Amino acid sequence: MRLRAQGKIMSPQVKELSPGRPVMRFALVEMDREGKQTWHSCAAWGGMAAKMSRLCEGDMVEVVARSATKSFTGVTGTRRTVTEYIVETYVKLKSKHEEARS
């Protein structure tokens, strides 16, 4: 499944798993016309993570991503399934505040 969405970056975290192998995890928050929020768990790897690491919380972006689902057993013994979107491309968008200054 693919995701194409516009929204704000929230809670960005960049880690280097091994030398030269960064990962950036963040939430992408979409807002519809009625004000309802949809949160997507996203990750960027390698060169894409290095590029996206310049973004800050609250920056508006449009991403194209593919879904990756993983299952695991939690500490309580409960089986869990998590879907994360792996960013393939992104474009930084201007916020309303930035547009007002232009």
Foldseek 3Di string as FASTA:
>chain_A
DKDKAKAWWADWDWDAPDVQKIKIWTWGWGADPVGDIDIATEMEIGPRSVVCVPDDGGWIKIFMWDKDKDWDQDPVRDIDIDIHTYTDDMDTDDDPVRVVVD
